[in-house]
PDB file of N, CA and C in Angstrom:
ATOM      1  N   MET A   1       5.234  -4.275  -5.991  1.00  0.00           N
ATOM      2  CA  MET A   1       5.780  -3.646  -4.806  1.00  0.00           C
ATOM      3  C   MET A   1       5.778  -2.143  -5.036  1.00  0.00           C
ATOM      4  N   TRP A   2       5.387  -1.407  -4.011  1.00  0.00           N
ATOM      5  CA  TRP A   2       5.333   0.044  -4.109  1.00  0.00           C
ATOM      6  C   TRP A   2       5.970   0.629  -2.867  1.00  0.00           C
ATOM      7  N   THR A   3       6.880   1.573  -3.026  1.00  0.00           N
ATOM      8  CA  THR A   3       7.551   2.210  -1.896  1.00  0.00           C
ATOM      9  C   THR A   3       7.140   3.673  -1.839  1.00  0.00           C
ATOM     10  N   ARG A   4       6.884   4.144  -0.616  1.00  0.00           N
ATOM     11  CA  ARG A   4       6.502   5.539  -0.456  1.00  0.00           C
ATOM     12  C   ARG A   4       6.941   6.021   0.920  1.00  0.00           C
ATOM     13  N   GLY A   5       7.254   7.297   1.015  1.00  0.00           N
ATOM     14  CA  GLY A   5       7.611   7.885   2.296  1.00  0.00           C
ATOM     15  C   GLY A   5       6.379   8.410   3.022  1.00  0.00           C
ATOM     16  N   TYR A   6       6.404   8.320   4.348  1.00  0.00           N
ATOM     17  CA  TYR A   6       5.311   8.834   5.169  1.00  0.00           C
ATOM     18  C   TYR A   6       5.877   9.212   6.526  1.00  0.00           C
ATOM     19  N   LYS A   7       5.753  10.482   6.879  1.00  0.00           N
ATOM     20  CA  LYS A   7       6.245  11.000   8.161  1.00  0.00           C
ATOM     21  C   LYS A   7       7.709  10.644   8.422  1.00  0.00           C
ATOM     22  N   GLY A   8       8.542  10.817   7.394  1.00  0.00           N
ATOM     23  CA  GLY A   8       9.971  10.593   7.548  1.00  0.00           C
ATOM     24  C   GLY A   8      10.422   9.152   7.433  1.00  0.00           C
ATOM     25  N   GLU A   9       9.504   8.226   7.273  1.00  0.00           N
ATOM     26  CA  GLU A   9       9.845   6.806   7.115  1.00  0.00           C
ATOM     27  C   GLU A   9       9.459   6.346   5.711  1.00  0.00           C
ATOM     28  N   ARG A  10      10.157   5.334   5.222  1.00  0.00           N
ATOM     29  CA  ARG A  10       9.814   4.738   3.925  1.00  0.00           C
ATOM     30  C   ARG A  10       9.193   3.380   4.186  1.00  0.00           C
ATOM     31  N   TYR A  11       8.163   3.063   3.411  1.00  0.00           N
ATOM     32  CA  TYR A  11       7.427   1.811   3.579  1.00  0.00           C
ATOM     33  C   TYR A  11       7.262   1.117   2.240  1.00  0.00           C
ATOM     34  N   ILE A  12       7.117  -0.202   2.291  1.00  0.00           N
ATOM     35  CA  ILE A  12       6.847  -1.005   1.104  1.00  0.00           C
ATOM     36  C   ILE A  12       5.514  -1.720   1.315  1.00  0.00           C
ATOM     37  N   VAL A  13       4.684  -1.673   0.285  1.00  0.00           N
ATOM     38  CA  VAL A  13       3.446  -2.453   0.247  1.00  0.00           C
ATOM     39  C   VAL A  13       3.581  -3.406  -0.935  1.00  0.00           C
ATOM     40  N   THR A  14       3.378  -4.690  -0.693  1.00  0.00           N
ATOM     41  CA  THR A  14       3.449  -5.673  -1.760  1.00  0.00           C
ATOM     42  C   THR A  14       2.050  -6.211  -2.027  1.00  0.00           C
ATOM     43  N   ILE A  15       1.589  -6.056  -3.260  1.00  0.00           N
ATOM     44  CA  ILE A  15       0.289  -6.594  -3.662  1.00  0.00           C
ATOM     45  C   ILE A  15       0.541  -7.998  -4.196  1.00  0.00           C
ATOM     46  N   PRO A  16      -0.071  -8.994  -3.583  1.00  0.00           N
ATOM     47  CA  PRO A  16       0.204 -10.378  -3.981  1.00  0.00           C
ATOM     48  C   PRO A  16      -0.234 -10.689  -5.416  1.00  0.00           C
ATOM     49  N   VAL A  17       0.506 -11.575  -6.041  1.00  0.00           N
ATOM     50  CA  VAL A  17       0.143 -12.061  -7.371  1.00  0.00           C
ATOM     51  C   VAL A  17      -1.241 -12.690  -7.280  1.00  0.00           C
ATOM     52  N   GLY A  18      -2.083 -12.375  -8.238  1.00  0.00           N
ATOM     53  CA  GLY A  18      -3.416 -12.955  -8.270  1.00  0.00           C
ATOM     54  C   GLY A  18      -4.455 -12.178  -7.476  1.00  0.00           C
ATOM     55  N   ALA A  19      -4.038 -11.077  -6.837  1.00  0.00           N
ATOM     56  CA  ALA A  19      -5.010 -10.266  -6.095  1.00  0.00           C
ATOM     57  C   ALA A  19      -6.052  -9.734  -7.074  1.00  0.00           C
ATOM     58  N   ASP A  20      -7.293  -9.774  -6.674  1.00  0.00           N
ATOM     59  CA  ASP A  20      -8.376  -9.262  -7.511  1.00  0.00           C
ATOM     60  C   ASP A  20      -8.270  -7.740  -7.544  1.00  0.00           C
ATOM     61  N   THR A  21      -7.936  -7.182  -8.693  1.00  0.00           N
ATOM     62  CA  THR A  21      -7.726  -5.738  -8.778  1.00  0.00           C
ATOM     63  C   THR A  21      -8.997  -4.954  -8.487  1.00  0.00           C
ATOM     64  N   ALA A  22     -10.156  -5.532  -8.714  1.00  0.00           N
ATOM     65  CA  ALA A  22     -11.409  -4.853  -8.366  1.00  0.00           C
ATOM     66  C   ALA A  22     -11.497  -4.679  -6.856  1.00  0.00           C
ATOM     67  N   ASP A  23     -10.857  -5.557  -6.104  1.00  0.00           N
ATOM     68  CA  ASP A  23     -10.843  -5.482  -4.643  1.00  0.00           C
ATOM     69  C   ASP A  23      -9.945  -4.358  -4.125  1.00  0.00           C
ATOM     70  N   LEU A  24      -9.116  -3.793  -4.979  1.00  0.00           N
ATOM     71  CA  LEU A  24      -8.176  -2.763  -4.541  1.00  0.00           C
ATOM     72  C   LEU A  24      -8.806  -1.382  -4.476  1.00  0.00           C
ATOM     73  N   ILE A  25      -9.992  -1.228  -5.027  1.00  0.00           N
ATOM     74  CA  ILE A  25     -10.654   0.060  -5.061  1.00  0.00           C
ATOM     75  C   ILE A  25     -11.603   0.179  -3.870  1.00  0.00           C
ATOM     76  N   ASP A  26     -11.491   1.294  -3.125  1.00  0.00           N
ATOM     77  CA  ASP A  26     -12.391   1.481  -1.981  1.00  0.00           C
ATOM     78  C   ASP A  26     -13.753   1.985  -2.449  1.00  0.00           C
ATOM     79  N   SER A  27     -14.632   2.287  -1.533  1.00  0.00           N
ATOM     80  CA  SER A  27     -15.999   2.690  -1.875  1.00  0.00           C
ATOM     81  C   SER A  27     -16.064   4.027  -2.616  1.00  0.00           C
ATOM     82  N   ASN A  28     -14.973   4.795  -2.594  1.00  0.00           N
ATOM     83  CA  ASN A  28     -14.908   6.073  -3.312  1.00  0.00           C
ATOM     84  C   ASN A  28     -14.224   5.941  -4.668  1.00  0.00           C
ATOM     85  N   GLY A  29     -13.867   4.716  -5.066  1.00  0.00           N
ATOM     86  CA  GLY A  29     -13.184   4.509  -6.335  1.00  0.00           C
ATOM     87  C   GLY A  29     -11.707   4.834  -6.278  1.00  0.00           C
ATOM     88  N   TYR A  30     -11.116   4.761  -5.092  1.00  0.00           N
ATOM     89  CA  TYR A  30      -9.729   5.164  -4.869  1.00  0.00           C
ATOM     90  C   TYR A  30      -8.937   4.020  -4.245  1.00  0.00           C
ATOM     91  N   ALA A  31      -7.703   3.872  -4.655  1.00  0.00           N
ATOM     92  CA  ALA A  31      -6.813   2.859  -4.067  1.00  0.00           C
ATOM     93  C   ALA A  31      -5.551   3.561  -3.580  1.00  0.00           C
ATOM     94  N   GLY A  32      -5.665   4.334  -2.526  1.00  0.00           N
ATOM     95  CA  GLY A  32      -4.541   5.105  -1.999  1.00  0.00           C
ATOM     96  C   GLY A  32      -3.563   4.248  -1.214  1.00  0.00           C
ATOM     97  N   PHE A  33      -2.409   4.837  -0.943  1.00  0.00           N
ATOM     98  CA  PHE A  33      -1.335   4.145  -0.246  1.00  0.00           C
ATOM     99  C   PHE A  33      -1.792   3.598   1.107  1.00  0.00           C
ATOM    100  N   HIS A  34      -2.454   4.414   1.909  1.00  0.00           N
ATOM    101  CA  HIS A  34      -2.886   3.956   3.234  1.00  0.00           C
ATOM    102  C   HIS A  34      -3.961   2.880   3.135  1.00  0.00           C
ATOM    103  N   TYR A  35      -4.796   2.978   2.147  1.00  0.00           N
ATOM    104  CA  TYR A  35      -5.826   1.957   1.928  1.00  0.00           C
ATOM    105  C   TYR A  35      -5.159   0.617   1.600  1.00  0.00           C
ATOM    106  N   LEU A  36      -4.161   0.654   0.710  1.00  0.00           N
ATOM    107  CA  LEU A  36      -3.431  -0.570   0.346  1.00  0.00           C
ATOM    108  C   LEU A  36      -2.684  -1.144   1.548  1.00  0.00           C
ATOM    109  N   CYS A  37      -2.121  -0.271   2.391  1.00  0.00           N
ATOM    110  CA  CYS A  37      -1.446  -0.730   3.613  1.00  0.00           C
ATOM    111  C   CYS A  37      -2.430  -1.473   4.505  1.00  0.00           C
ATOM    112  N   GLY A  38      -3.650  -0.989   4.603  1.00  0.00           N
ATOM    113  CA  GLY A  38      -4.662  -1.629   5.414  1.00  0.00           C
ATOM    114  C   GLY A  38      -5.066  -3.002   4.892  1.00  0.00           C
ATOM    115  N   LYS A  39      -5.038  -3.162   3.583  1.00  0.00           N
ATOM    116  CA  LYS A  39      -5.416  -4.446   2.990  1.00  0.00           C
ATOM    117  C   LYS A  39      -4.282  -5.469   3.021  1.00  0.00           C
ATOM    118  N   PHE A  40      -3.053  -5.006   2.745  1.00  0.00           N
ATOM    119  CA  PHE A  40      -1.938  -5.941   2.555  1.00  0.00           C
ATOM    120  C   PHE A  40      -0.821  -5.819   3.586  1.00  0.00           C
ATOM    121  N   GLY A  41      -0.882  -4.798   4.413  1.00  0.00           N
ATOM    122  CA  GLY A  41       0.195  -4.572   5.360  1.00  0.00           C
ATOM    123  C   GLY A  41       1.337  -3.801   4.718  1.00  0.00           C
ATOM    124  N   MET A  42       2.251  -3.353   5.542  1.00  0.00           N
ATOM    125  CA  MET A  42       3.400  -2.586   5.038  1.00  0.00           C
ATOM    126  C   MET A  42       4.627  -2.939   5.839  1.00  0.00           C
ATOM    127  N   ILE A  43       5.778  -2.708   5.242  1.00  0.00           N
ATOM    128  CA  ILE A  43       7.060  -2.976   5.877  1.00  0.00           C
ATOM    129  C   ILE A  43       7.847  -1.682   5.890  1.00  0.00           C
ATOM    130  N   SER A  44       8.351  -1.291   7.051  1.00  0.00           N
ATOM    131  CA  SER A  44       9.194  -0.106   7.141  1.00  0.00           C
ATOM    132  C   SER A  44      10.588  -0.454   6.628  1.00  0.00           C
ATOM    133  N   VAL A  45      11.144   0.419   5.795  1.00  0.00           N
ATOM    134  CA  VAL A  45      12.480   0.191   5.250  1.00  0.00           C
ATOM    135  C   VAL A  45      13.446   1.308   5.631  1.00  0.00           C
ATOM    136  N   GLY A  46      13.119   2.064   6.678  1.00  0.00           N
ATOM    137  CA  GLY A  46      14.030   3.096   7.158  1.00  0.00           C
ATOM    138  C   GLY A  46      13.549   4.496   6.854  1.00  0.00           C
ATOM    139  N   SER A  47      14.392   5.453   7.188  1.00  0.00           N
ATOM    140  CA  SER A  47      14.013   6.856   7.010  1.00  0.00           C
ATOM    141  C   SER A  47      14.383   7.349   5.638  1.00  0.00           C
ATOM    142  N   ASN A  48      13.747   8.487   5.247  1.00  0.00           N
ATOM    143  CA  ASN A  48      13.973   9.083   3.930  1.00  0.00           C
ATOM    144  C   ASN A  48      15.365   9.611   3.804  1.00  0.00           C
TER     145      ASN A  48
END
């Protein structure tokens, strides 16, 4: 689970157990917060 703030809101992204870590890297070799949100979804947990 990873929590990060974005535009005044805090979000959680949970990477499921057993996820292929090679699948987490985009075509540029990067696994950024927004990229992970796109793959696994995110949950808002309120404001900062």
